[in-house]
């Protein structure tokens, strides 16, 4: 009995489309997080909070740019799909960490 070393093309295409949709959703979520941080209620009141919010905003911008690169690659199929899938998984992990950072920042702002 032969074993398949690669996934069938149909499954890879479904994975690719699902990742594109997820990354596009993350792009929208990044915009919402950014608008939350730009709210007058979230203005930093200490130097530490100012540095924190700047780091979060810089991280958001890096994620946004990287998301666009990965989405473009998945749509154009110019790179090996496995490389893009790994990058996309890392992006999703980084997004979740950033989201937790924003929640932490918002909690700190409410305490000051």
PDB file of N, CA and C in Angstrom:
ATOM      1  N   UNK A   1       0.842  -1.170   0.000  1.00  0.00           N
ATOM      2  CA  UNK A   1       0.000   0.000   0.000  1.00  0.00           C
ATOM      3  C   UNK A   1       0.895   1.244   0.000  1.00  0.00           C
ATOM      4  N   UNK A   2       0.601   2.184  -0.875  1.00  0.00           N
ATOM      5  CA  UNK A   2       1.395   3.401  -0.968  1.00  0.00           C
ATOM      6  C   UNK A   2       0.863   4.448   0.003  1.00  0.00           C
ATOM      7  N   UNK A   3       1.786   5.227   0.523  1.00  0.00           N
ATOM      8  CA  UNK A   3       1.367   6.346   1.367  1.00  0.00           C
ATOM      9  C   UNK A   3       1.624   7.635   0.612  1.00  0.00           C
ATOM     10  N   UNK A   4       0.752   8.559   0.788  1.00  0.00           N
ATOM     11  CA  UNK A   4       0.909   9.852   0.129  1.00  0.00           C
ATOM     12  C   UNK A   4       1.817  10.733   0.962  1.00  0.00           C
ATOM     13  N   UNK A   5       2.804  11.322   0.315  1.00  0.00           N
ATOM     14  CA  UNK A   5       3.709  12.211   1.035  1.00  0.00           C
ATOM     15  C   UNK A   5       3.221  13.648   0.986  1.00  0.00           C
ATOM     16  N   UNK A   6       2.379  13.951   0.017  1.00  0.00           N
ATOM     17  CA  UNK A   6       1.851  15.304  -0.087  1.00  0.00           C
ATOM     18  C   UNK A   6       0.337  15.255   0.015  1.00  0.00           C
ATOM     19  N   UNK A   7      -0.205  16.359   0.461  1.00  0.00           N
ATOM     20  CA  UNK A   7      -1.653  16.449   0.530  1.00  0.00           C
ATOM     21  C   UNK A   7      -2.192  16.677  -0.880  1.00  0.00           C
ATOM     22  N   UNK A   8      -3.380  16.212  -1.148  1.00  0.00           N
ATOM     23  CA  UNK A   8      -3.977  16.435  -2.465  1.00  0.00           C
ATOM     24  C   UNK A   8      -4.119  17.930  -2.747  1.00  0.00           C
ATOM     25  N   UNK A   9      -4.023  18.335  -4.026  1.00  0.00           N
ATOM     26  CA  UNK A   9      -4.116  19.762  -4.376  1.00  0.00           C
ATOM     27  C   UNK A   9      -5.398  20.429  -3.899  1.00  0.00           C
ATOM     28  N   UNK A  10      -6.506  19.707  -3.885  1.00  0.00           N
ATOM     29  CA  UNK A  10      -7.778  20.305  -3.462  1.00  0.00           C
ATOM     30  C   UNK A  10      -7.704  20.729  -2.001  1.00  0.00           C
ATOM     31  N   UNK A  11      -7.126  19.894  -1.158  1.00  0.00           N
ATOM     32  CA  UNK A  11      -7.006  20.225   0.264  1.00  0.00           C
ATOM     33  C   UNK A  11      -6.067  21.411   0.450  1.00  0.00           C
ATOM     34  N   UNK A  12      -4.966  21.425  -0.290  1.00  0.00           N
ATOM     35  CA  UNK A  12      -4.038  22.562  -0.186  1.00  0.00           C
ATOM     36  C   UNK A  12      -4.733  23.855  -0.584  1.00  0.00           C
ATOM     37  N   UNK A  13      -5.579  23.797  -1.613  1.00  0.00           N
ATOM     38  CA  UNK A  13      -6.304  24.986  -2.061  1.00  0.00           C
ATOM     39  C   UNK A  13      -7.283  25.460  -0.987  1.00  0.00           C
ATOM     40  N   UNK A  14      -7.950  24.528  -0.330  1.00  0.00           N
ATOM     41  CA  UNK A  14      -8.867  24.885   0.761  1.00  0.00           C
ATOM     42  C   UNK A  14      -8.084  25.525   1.900  1.00  0.00           C
ATOM     43  N   UNK A  15      -6.937  24.937   2.261  1.00  0.00           N
ATOM     44  CA  UNK A  15      -6.085  25.513   3.305  1.00  0.00           C
ATOM     45  C   UNK A  15      -5.666  26.928   2.940  1.00  0.00           C
ATOM     46  N   UNK A  16      -5.270  27.105   1.706  1.00  0.00           N
ATOM     47  CA  UNK A  16      -4.815  28.418   1.238  1.00  0.00           C
ATOM     48  C   UNK A  16      -5.939  29.436   1.356  1.00  0.00           C
ATOM     49  N   UNK A  17      -7.123  29.083   0.876  1.00  0.00           N
ATOM     50  CA  UNK A  17      -8.265  30.005   0.940  1.00  0.00           C
ATOM     51  C   UNK A  17      -8.655  30.320   2.382  1.00  0.00           C
ATOM     52  N   UNK A  18      -8.626  29.313   3.237  1.00  0.00           N
ATOM     53  CA  UNK A  18      -8.966  29.533   4.647  1.00  0.00           C
ATOM     54  C   UNK A  18      -7.960  30.476   5.300  1.00  0.00           C
ATOM     55  N   UNK A  19      -6.684  30.313   4.973  1.00  0.00           N
ATOM     56  CA  UNK A  19      -5.662  31.199   5.541  1.00  0.00           C
ATOM     57  C   UNK A  19      -5.830  32.626   5.045  1.00  0.00           C
ATOM     58  N   UNK A  20      -6.132  32.784   3.765  1.00  0.00           N
ATOM     59  CA  UNK A  20      -6.344  34.130   3.221  1.00  0.00           C
ATOM     60  C   UNK A  20      -7.505  34.802   3.945  1.00  0.00           C
ATOM     61  N   UNK A  21      -8.590  34.076   4.125  1.00  0.00           N
ATOM     62  CA  UNK A  21      -9.762  34.634   4.820  1.00  0.00           C
ATOM     63  C   UNK A  21      -9.403  34.999   6.254  1.00  0.00           C
ATOM     64  N   UNK A  22      -8.685  34.124   6.936  1.00  0.00           N
ATOM     65  CA  UNK A  22      -8.310  34.381   8.336  1.00  0.00           C
ATOM     66  C   UNK A  22      -7.386  35.593   8.441  1.00  0.00           C
ATOM     67  N   UNK A  23      -6.413  35.693   7.540  1.00  0.00           N
ATOM     68  CA  UNK A  23      -5.492  36.829   7.578  1.00  0.00           C
ATOM     69  C   UNK A  23      -6.207  38.132   7.224  1.00  0.00           C
ATOM     70  N   UNK A  24      -7.155  38.074   6.296  1.00  0.00           N
ATOM     71  CA  UNK A  24      -7.937  39.275   5.980  1.00  0.00           C
ATOM     72  C   UNK A  24      -8.767  39.708   7.185  1.00  0.00           C
ATOM     73  N   UNK A  25      -9.308  38.743   7.901  1.00  0.00           N
ATOM     74  CA  UNK A  25     -10.065  39.056   9.118  1.00  0.00           C
ATOM     75  C   UNK A  25      -9.136  39.690  10.154  1.00  0.00           C
ATOM     76  N   UNK A  26      -7.920  39.172  10.247  1.00  0.00           N
ATOM     77  CA  UNK A  26      -6.949  39.759  11.175  1.00  0.00           C
ATOM     78  C   UNK A  26      -6.625  41.195  10.796  1.00  0.00           C
ATOM     79  N   UNK A  27      -6.582  41.482   9.502  1.00  0.00           N
ATOM     80  CA  UNK A  27      -6.333  42.856   9.063  1.00  0.00           C
ATOM     81  C   UNK A  27      -7.434  43.780   9.596  1.00  0.00           C
ATOM     82  N   UNK A  28      -8.670  43.339   9.489  1.00  0.00           N
ATOM     83  CA  UNK A  28      -9.788  44.143   9.998  1.00  0.00           C
ATOM     84  C   UNK A  28      -9.700  44.284  11.517  1.00  0.00           C
ATOM     85  N   UNK A  29      -9.336  43.197  12.181  1.00  0.00           N
ATOM     86  CA  UNK A  29      -9.195  43.249  13.640  1.00  0.00           C
ATOM     87  C   UNK A  29      -8.071  44.194  14.048  1.00  0.00           C
ATOM     88  N   UNK A  30      -6.987  44.220  13.270  1.00  0.00           N
ATOM     89  CA  UNK A  30      -5.888  45.147  13.563  1.00  0.00           C
ATOM     90  C   UNK A  30      -6.365  46.592  13.481  1.00  0.00           C
ATOM     91  N   UNK A  31      -7.188  46.893  12.488  1.00  0.00           N
ATOM     92  CA  UNK A  31      -7.726  48.253  12.362  1.00  0.00           C
ATOM     93  C   UNK A  31      -8.592  48.618  13.561  1.00  0.00           C
ATOM     94  N   UNK A  32      -9.381  47.665  14.034  1.00  0.00           N
ATOM     95  CA  UNK A  32     -10.218  47.924  15.206  1.00  0.00           C
ATOM     96  C   UNK A  32      -9.365  48.136  16.452  1.00  0.00           C
ATOM     97  N   UNK A  33      -8.330  47.317  16.613  1.00  0.00           N
ATOM     98  CA  UNK A  33      -7.442  47.482  17.768  1.00  0.00           C
ATOM     99  C   UNK A  33      -6.734  48.831  17.712  1.00  0.00           C
ATOM    100  N   UNK A  34      -6.314  49.212  16.515  1.00  0.00           N
ATOM    101  CA  UNK A  34      -5.629  50.494  16.360  1.00  0.00           C
ATOM    102  C   UNK A  34      -6.563  51.655  16.698  1.00  0.00           C
ATOM    103  N   UNK A  35      -7.813  51.554  16.269  1.00  0.00           N
ATOM    104  CA  UNK A  35      -8.753  52.636  16.588  1.00  0.00           C
ATOM    105  C   UNK A  35      -9.033  52.685  18.089  1.00  0.00           C
ATOM    106  N   UNK A  36      -9.036  51.533  18.757  1.00  0.00           N
ATOM    107  CA  UNK A  36      -9.190  51.524  20.216  1.00  0.00           C
ATOM    108  C   UNK A  36      -8.024  52.255  20.874  1.00  0.00           C
ATOM    109  N   UNK A  37      -6.816  51.968  20.400  1.00  0.00           N
ATOM    110  CA  UNK A  37      -5.640  52.602  21.002  1.00  0.00           C
ATOM    111  C   UNK A  37      -5.587  54.095  20.710  1.00  0.00           C
ATOM    112  N   UNK A  38      -6.187  54.520  19.605  1.00  0.00           N
ATOM    113  CA  UNK A  38      -6.190  55.942  19.263  1.00  0.00           C
ATOM    114  C   UNK A  38      -7.307  56.709  19.965  1.00  0.00           C
ATOM    115  N   UNK A  39      -8.132  56.014  20.715  1.00  0.00           N
ATOM    116  CA  UNK A  39      -9.226  56.645  21.440  1.00  0.00           C
ATOM    117  C   UNK A  39      -8.668  57.573  22.527  1.00  0.00           C
ATOM    118  N   UNK A  40      -9.367  58.652  22.786  1.00  0.00           N
ATOM    119  CA  UNK A  40      -8.928  59.593  23.822  1.00  0.00           C
ATOM    120  C   UNK A  40      -8.882  58.931  25.193  1.00  0.00           C
ATOM    121  N   UNK A  41      -9.692  57.906  25.402  1.00  0.00           N
ATOM    122  CA  UNK A  41      -9.704  57.216  26.694  1.00  0.00           C
ATOM    123  C   UNK A  41      -8.432  56.411  26.926  1.00  0.00           C
ATOM    124  N   UNK A  42      -7.696  56.150  25.864  1.00  0.00           N
ATOM    125  CA  UNK A  42      -6.502  55.302  25.977  1.00  0.00           C
ATOM    126  C   UNK A  42      -5.206  56.094  25.898  1.00  0.00           C
ATOM    127  N   UNK A  43      -5.285  57.397  26.048  1.00  0.00           N
ATOM    128  CA  UNK A  43      -4.059  58.191  25.991  1.00  0.00           C
ATOM    129  C   UNK A  43      -3.156  57.807  27.148  1.00  0.00           C
ATOM    130  N   UNK A  44      -1.877  57.614  26.866  1.00  0.00           N
ATOM    131  CA  UNK A  44      -0.953  57.226  27.941  1.00  0.00           C
ATOM    132  C   UNK A  44      -0.773  58.358  28.943  1.00  0.00           C
ATOM    133  N   UNK A  45      -0.792  57.999  30.211  1.00  0.00           N
ATOM    134  CA  UNK A  45      -0.658  58.998  31.272  1.00  0.00           C
ATOM    135  C   UNK A  45       0.699  58.940  31.952  1.00  0.00           C
ATOM    136  N   UNK A  46       1.475  57.924  31.624  1.00  0.00           N
ATOM    137  CA  UNK A  46       2.826  57.800  32.176  1.00  0.00           C
ATOM    138  C   UNK A  46       3.785  57.494  31.036  1.00  0.00           C
ATOM    139  N   UNK A  47       5.064  57.688  31.314  1.00  0.00           N
ATOM    140  CA  UNK A  47       6.082  57.392  30.306  1.00  0.00           C
ATOM    141  C   UNK A  47       6.065  55.909  29.940  1.00  0.00           C
ATOM    142  N   UNK A  48       5.873  55.056  30.933  1.00  0.00           N
ATOM    143  CA  UNK A  48       5.838  53.616  30.687  1.00  0.00           C
ATOM    144  C   UNK A  48       4.675  53.253  29.750  1.00  0.00           C
ATOM    145  N   UNK A  49       3.504  53.855  29.986  1.00  0.00           N
ATOM    146  CA  UNK A  49       2.356  53.586  29.120  1.00  0.00           C
ATOM    147  C   UNK A  49       2.582  54.138  27.718  1.00  0.00           C
ATOM    148  N   UNK A  50       3.264  55.276  27.629  1.00  0.00           N
ATOM    149  CA  UNK A  50       3.577  55.840  26.320  1.00  0.00           C
ATOM    150  C   UNK A  50       4.457  54.871  25.531  1.00  0.00           C
ATOM    151  N   UNK A  51       5.493  54.325  26.171  1.00  0.00           N
ATOM    152  CA  UNK A  51       6.364  53.361  25.494  1.00  0.00           C
ATOM    153  C   UNK A  51       5.591  52.100  25.122  1.00  0.00           C
ATOM    154  N   UNK A  52       4.716  51.671  26.004  1.00  0.00           N
ATOM    155  CA  UNK A  52       3.921  50.467  25.777  1.00  0.00           C
ATOM    156  C   UNK A  52       3.034  50.636  24.537  1.00  0.00           C
ATOM    157  N   UNK A  53       2.335  51.773  24.468  1.00  0.00           N
ATOM    158  CA  UNK A  53       1.431  51.983  23.337  1.00  0.00           C
ATOM    159  C   UNK A  53       2.214  52.121  22.030  1.00  0.00           C
ATOM    160  N   UNK A  54       3.373  52.747  22.080  1.00  0.00           N
ATOM    161  CA  UNK A  54       4.193  52.872  20.873  1.00  0.00           C
ATOM    162  C   UNK A  54       4.664  51.505  20.391  1.00  0.00           C
ATOM    163  N   UNK A  55       5.068  50.649  21.323  1.00  0.00           N
ATOM    164  CA  UNK A  55       5.475  49.291  20.945  1.00  0.00           C
ATOM    165  C   UNK A  55       4.306  48.523  20.331  1.00  0.00           C
ATOM    166  N   UNK A  56       3.121  48.679  20.902  1.00  0.00           N
ATOM    167  CA  UNK A  56       1.942  48.009  20.354  1.00  0.00           C
ATOM    168  C   UNK A  56       1.630  48.509  18.943  1.00  0.00           C
ATOM    169  N   UNK A  57       1.686  49.813  18.747  1.00  0.00           N
ATOM    170  CA  UNK A  57       1.396  50.375  17.424  1.00  0.00           C
ATOM    171  C   UNK A  57       2.429  49.929  16.393  1.00  0.00           C
ATOM    172  N   UNK A  58       3.702  49.895  16.798  1.00  0.00           N
ATOM    173  CA  UNK A  58       4.742  49.419  15.883  1.00  0.00           C
ATOM    174  C   UNK A  58       4.533  47.946  15.541  1.00  0.00           C
ATOM    175  N   UNK A  59       4.164  47.156  16.528  1.00  0.00           N
ATOM    176  CA  UNK A  59       3.880  45.743  16.289  1.00  0.00           C
ATOM    177  C   UNK A  59       2.703  45.553  15.347  1.00  0.00           C
ATOM    178  N   UNK A  60       1.689  46.389  15.506  1.00  0.00           N
ATOM    179  CA  UNK A  60       0.529  46.322  14.619  1.00  0.00           C
ATOM    180  C   UNK A  60       0.921  46.614  13.179  1.00  0.00           C
ATOM    181  N   UNK A  61       1.760  47.615  12.999  1.00  0.00           N
ATOM    182  CA  UNK A  61       2.177  47.977  11.645  1.00  0.00           C
ATOM    183  C   UNK A  61       3.000  46.855  11.012  1.00  0.00           C
ATOM    184  N   UNK A  62       3.897  46.258  11.787  1.00  0.00           N
ATOM    185  CA  UNK A  62       4.680  45.131  11.258  1.00  0.00           C
ATOM    186  C   UNK A  62       3.767  43.966  10.882  1.00  0.00           C
ATOM    187  N   UNK A  63       2.793  43.668  11.736  1.00  0.00           N
ATOM    188  CA  UNK A  63       1.843  42.589  11.438  1.00  0.00           C
ATOM    189  C   UNK A  63       1.026  42.896  10.190  1.00  0.00           C
ATOM    190  N   UNK A  64       0.596  44.131  10.063  1.00  0.00           N
ATOM    191  CA  UNK A  64      -0.215  44.531   8.912  1.00  0.00           C
ATOM    192  C   UNK A  64       0.550  44.314   7.611  1.00  0.00           C
ATOM    193  N   UNK A  65       1.797  44.764   7.588  1.00  0.00           N
ATOM    194  CA  UNK A  65       2.618  44.630   6.384  1.00  0.00           C
ATOM    195  C   UNK A  65       2.899  43.162   6.080  1.00  0.00           C
ATOM    196  N   UNK A  66       3.247  42.415   7.087  1.00  0.00           N
ATOM    197  CA  UNK A  66       3.534  40.996   6.902  1.00  0.00           C
ATOM    198  C   UNK A  66       2.286  40.234   6.450  1.00  0.00           C
ATOM    199  N   UNK A  67       1.133  40.568   7.027  1.00  0.00           N
ATOM    200  CA  UNK A  67      -0.124  39.944   6.591  1.00  0.00           C
ATOM    201  C   UNK A  67      -0.354  40.174   5.103  1.00  0.00           C
ATOM    202  N   UNK A  68      -0.145  41.410   4.663  1.00  0.00           N
ATOM    203  CA  UNK A  68      -0.358  41.728   3.252  1.00  0.00           C
ATOM    204  C   UNK A  68       0.583  40.933   2.353  1.00  0.00           C
ATOM    205  N   UNK A  69       1.832  40.776   2.779  1.00  0.00           N
ATOM    206  CA  UNK A  69       2.793  39.993   1.997  1.00  0.00           C
ATOM    207  C   UNK A  69       2.353  38.536   1.892  1.00  0.00           C
ATOM    208  N   UNK A  70       1.923  37.968   3.006  1.00  0.00           N
ATOM    209  CA  UNK A  70       1.502  36.563   3.014  1.00  0.00           C
ATOM    210  C   UNK A  70       0.231  36.382   2.191  1.00  0.00           C
ATOM    211  N   UNK A  71      -0.724  37.280   2.354  1.00  0.00           N
ATOM    212  CA  UNK A  71      -1.968  37.196   1.579  1.00  0.00           C
ATOM    213  C   UNK A  71      -1.655  37.262   0.088  1.00  0.00           C
ATOM    214  N   UNK A  72      -0.794  38.193  -0.294  1.00  0.00           N
ATOM    215  CA  UNK A  72      -0.408  38.307  -1.701  1.00  0.00           C
ATOM    216  C   UNK A  72       0.253  37.041  -2.216  1.00  0.00           C
ATOM    217  N   UNK A  73       1.139  36.470  -1.413  1.00  0.00           N
ATOM    218  CA  UNK A  73       1.806  35.232  -1.810  1.00  0.00           C
ATOM    219  C   UNK A  73       0.842  34.070  -1.939  1.00  0.00           C
ATOM    220  N   UNK A  74      -0.103  33.977  -1.018  1.00  0.00           N
ATOM    221  CA  UNK A  74      -1.085  32.888  -1.086  1.00  0.00           C
ATOM    222  C   UNK A  74      -1.998  33.041  -2.301  1.00  0.00           C
ATOM    223  N   UNK A  75      -2.341  34.252  -2.625  1.00  0.00           N
ATOM    224  CA  UNK A  75      -3.211  34.479  -3.786  1.00  0.00           C
ATOM    225  C   UNK A  75      -2.472  34.237  -5.094  1.00  0.00           C
ATOM    226  N   UNK A  76      -1.206  34.646  -5.153  1.00  0.00           N
ATOM    227  CA  UNK A  76      -0.442  34.520  -6.394  1.00  0.00           C
ATOM    228  C   UNK A  76       0.276  33.185  -6.508  1.00  0.00           C
ATOM    229  N   UNK A  77       0.351  32.456  -5.427  1.00  0.00           N
ATOM    230  CA  UNK A  77       1.007  31.153  -5.398  1.00  0.00           C
ATOM    231  C   UNK A  77       2.446  31.235  -5.916  1.00  0.00           C
ATOM    232  N   UNK A  78       3.144  32.307  -5.561  1.00  0.00           N
ATOM    233  CA  UNK A  78       4.504  32.471  -6.063  1.00  0.00           C
ATOM    234  C   UNK A  78       5.542  31.777  -5.197  1.00  0.00           C
ATOM    235  N   UNK A  79       5.222  31.437  -3.977  1.00  0.00           N
ATOM    236  CA  UNK A  79       6.152  30.731  -3.099  1.00  0.00           C
ATOM    237  C   UNK A  79       5.578  29.369  -2.763  1.00  0.00           C
ATOM    238  N   UNK A  80       6.426  28.541  -2.203  1.00  0.00           N
ATOM    239  CA  UNK A  80       5.960  27.224  -1.776  1.00  0.00           C
ATOM    240  C   UNK A  80       4.876  27.398  -0.722  1.00  0.00           C
ATOM    241  N   UNK A  81       3.805  26.694  -0.894  1.00  0.00           N
ATOM    242  CA  UNK A  81       2.657  26.829   0.009  1.00  0.00           C
ATOM    243  C   UNK A  81       3.032  26.497   1.440  1.00  0.00           C
ATOM    244  N   UNK A  82       3.912  25.526   1.636  1.00  0.00           N
ATOM    245  CA  UNK A  82       4.271  25.131   3.005  1.00  0.00           C
ATOM    246  C   UNK A  82       4.971  26.271   3.742  1.00  0.00           C
ATOM    247  N   UNK A  83       5.814  27.026   3.042  1.00  0.00           N
ATOM    248  CA  UNK A  83       6.481  28.174   3.669  1.00  0.00           C
ATOM    249  C   UNK A  83       5.465  29.237   4.080  1.00  0.00           C
ATOM    250  N   UNK A  84       4.526  29.503   3.188  1.00  0.00           N
ATOM    251  CA  UNK A  84       3.510  30.518   3.479  1.00  0.00           C
ATOM    252  C   UNK A  84       2.579  30.078   4.603  1.00  0.00           C
ATOM    253  N   UNK A  85       2.268  28.796   4.645  1.00  0.00           N
ATOM    254  CA  UNK A  85       1.406  28.292   5.720  1.00  0.00           C
ATOM    255  C   UNK A  85       2.104  28.459   7.061  1.00  0.00           C
ATOM    256  N   UNK A  86       3.392  28.158   7.111  1.00  0.00           N
ATOM    257  CA  UNK A  86       4.142  28.327   8.365  1.00  0.00           C
ATOM    258  C   UNK A  86       4.202  29.795   8.770  1.00  0.00           C
ATOM    259  N   UNK A  87       4.442  30.677   7.801  1.00  0.00           N
ATOM    260  CA  UNK A  87       4.463  32.115   8.105  1.00  0.00           C
ATOM    261  C   UNK A  87       3.099  32.586   8.593  1.00  0.00           C
ATOM    262  N   UNK A  88       2.039  32.075   7.969  1.00  0.00           N
ATOM    263  CA  UNK A  88       0.684  32.465   8.365  1.00  0.00           C
ATOM    264  C   UNK A  88       0.383  31.995   9.785  1.00  0.00           C
ATOM    265  N   UNK A  89       0.794  30.787  10.126  1.00  0.00           N
ATOM    266  CA  UNK A  89       0.578  30.287  11.487  1.00  0.00           C
ATOM    267  C   UNK A  89       1.309  31.156  12.498  1.00  0.00           C
ATOM    268  N   UNK A  90       2.524  31.548  12.165  1.00  0.00           N
ATOM    269  CA  UNK A  90       3.293  32.430  13.043  1.00  0.00           C
ATOM    270  C   UNK A  90       2.600  33.785  13.166  1.00  0.00           C
ATOM    271  N   UNK A  91       2.045  34.284  12.065  1.00  0.00           N
ATOM    272  CA  UNK A  91       1.311  35.549  12.093  1.00  0.00           C
ATOM    273  C   UNK A  91       0.113  35.469  13.030  1.00  0.00           C
ATOM    274  N   UNK A  92      -0.602  34.366  12.962  1.00  0.00           N
ATOM    275  CA  UNK A  92      -1.779  34.210  13.822  1.00  0.00           C
ATOM    276  C   UNK A  92      -1.373  34.186  15.288  1.00  0.00           C
ATOM    277  N   UNK A  93      -0.260  33.542  15.583  1.00  0.00           N
ATOM    278  CA  UNK A  93       0.249  33.514  16.951  1.00  0.00           C
ATOM    279  C   UNK A  93       0.649  34.923  17.406  1.00  0.00           C
ATOM    280  N   UNK A  94       1.364  35.644  16.544  1.00  0.00           N
ATOM    281  CA  UNK A  94       1.777  37.012  16.877  1.00  0.00           C
ATOM    282  C   UNK A  94       0.561  37.920  17.060  1.00  0.00           C
ATOM    283  N   UNK A  95      -0.460  37.722  16.231  1.00  0.00           N
ATOM    284  CA  UNK A  95      -1.670  38.531  16.360  1.00  0.00           C
ATOM    285  C   UNK A  95      -2.321  38.309  17.717  1.00  0.00           C
ATOM    286  N   UNK A  96      -2.418  37.056  18.129  1.00  0.00           N
ATOM    287  CA  UNK A  96      -3.025  36.756  19.431  1.00  0.00           C
ATOM    288  C   UNK A  96      -2.218  37.366  20.569  1.00  0.00           C
ATOM    289  N   UNK A  97      -0.893  37.344  20.460  1.00  0.00           N
ATOM    290  CA  UNK A  97      -0.049  37.965  21.483  1.00  0.00           C
ATOM    291  C   UNK A  97      -0.262  39.474  21.502  1.00  0.00           C
ATOM    292  N   UNK A  98      -0.354  40.072  20.328  1.00  0.00           N
ATOM    293  CA  UNK A  98      -0.585  41.512  20.240  1.00  0.00           C
ATOM    294  C   UNK A  98      -1.947  41.873  20.828  1.00  0.00           C
ATOM    295  N   UNK A  99      -2.936  41.070  20.541  1.00  0.00           N
ATOM    296  CA  UNK A  99      -4.283  41.302  21.072  1.00  0.00           C
ATOM    297  C   UNK A  99      -4.269  41.260  22.599  1.00  0.00           C
ATOM    298  N   UNK A 100      -3.528  40.315  23.163  1.00  0.00           N
ATOM    299  CA  UNK A 100      -3.389  40.237  24.619  1.00  0.00           C
ATOM    300  C   UNK A 100      -2.666  41.467  25.155  1.00  0.00           C
ATOM    301  N   UNK A 101      -1.668  41.944  24.418  1.00  0.00           N
ATOM    302  CA  UNK A 101      -0.948  43.146  24.819  1.00  0.00           C
ATOM    303  C   UNK A 101      -1.852  44.367  24.837  1.00  0.00           C
ATOM    304  N   UNK A 102      -2.721  44.479  23.844  1.00  0.00           N
ATOM    305  CA  UNK A 102      -3.668  45.600  23.794  1.00  0.00           C
ATOM    306  C   UNK A 102      -4.633  45.518  24.975  1.00  0.00           C
ATOM    307  N   UNK A 103      -5.123  44.328  25.264  1.00  0.00           N
ATOM    308  CA  UNK A 103      -6.037  44.159  26.406  1.00  0.00           C
ATOM    309  C   UNK A 103      -5.334  44.542  27.706  1.00  0.00           C
ATOM    310  N   UNK A 104      -4.073  44.155  27.841  1.00  0.00           N
ATOM    311  CA  UNK A 104      -3.296  44.508  29.030  1.00  0.00           C
ATOM    312  C   UNK A 104      -3.111  46.022  29.120  1.00  0.00           C
ATOM    313  N   UNK A 105      -2.790  46.657  27.990  1.00  0.00           N
ATOM    314  CA  UNK A 105      -2.611  48.108  27.969  1.00  0.00           C
ATOM    315  C   UNK A 105      -3.906  48.815  28.368  1.00  0.00           C
ATOM    316  N   UNK A 106      -5.026  48.363  27.799  1.00  0.00           N
ATOM    317  CA  UNK A 106      -6.312  48.992  28.123  1.00  0.00           C
ATOM    318  C   UNK A 106      -6.634  48.861  29.605  1.00  0.00           C
ATOM    319  N   UNK A 107      -6.327  47.714  30.177  1.00  0.00           N
ATOM    320  CA  UNK A 107      -6.559  47.519  31.618  1.00  0.00           C
ATOM    321  C   UNK A 107      -5.678  48.462  32.430  1.00  0.00           C
ATOM    322  N   UNK A 108      -4.432  48.624  32.015  1.00  0.00           N
ATOM    323  CA  UNK A 108      -3.522  49.534  32.728  1.00  0.00           C
ATOM    324  C   UNK A 108      -3.998  50.977  32.623  1.00  0.00           C
ATOM    325  N   UNK A 109      -4.519  51.352  31.458  1.00  0.00           N
ATOM    326  CA  UNK A 109      -5.024  52.724  31.283  1.00  0.00           C
ATOM    327  C   UNK A 109      -6.198  53.003  32.214  1.00  0.00           C
ATOM    328  N   UNK A 110      -7.038  52.031  32.392  1.00  0.00           N
ATOM    329  CA  UNK A 110      -8.205  52.217  33.253  1.00  0.00           C
ATOM    330  C   UNK A 110      -7.801  52.346  34.718  1.00  0.00           C
ATOM    331  N   UNK A 111      -6.648  51.798  35.077  1.00  0.00           N
ATOM    332  CA  UNK A 111      -6.179  51.865  36.464  1.00  0.00           C
ATOM    333  C   UNK A 111      -5.438  53.160  36.771  1.00  0.00           C
ATOM    334  N   UNK A 112      -5.076  53.926  35.749  1.00  0.00           N
ATOM    335  CA  UNK A 112      -4.345  55.183  35.996  1.00  0.00           C
ATOM    336  C   UNK A 112      -5.254  56.363  35.887  1.00  0.00           C
TER     337      UNK A 112
END
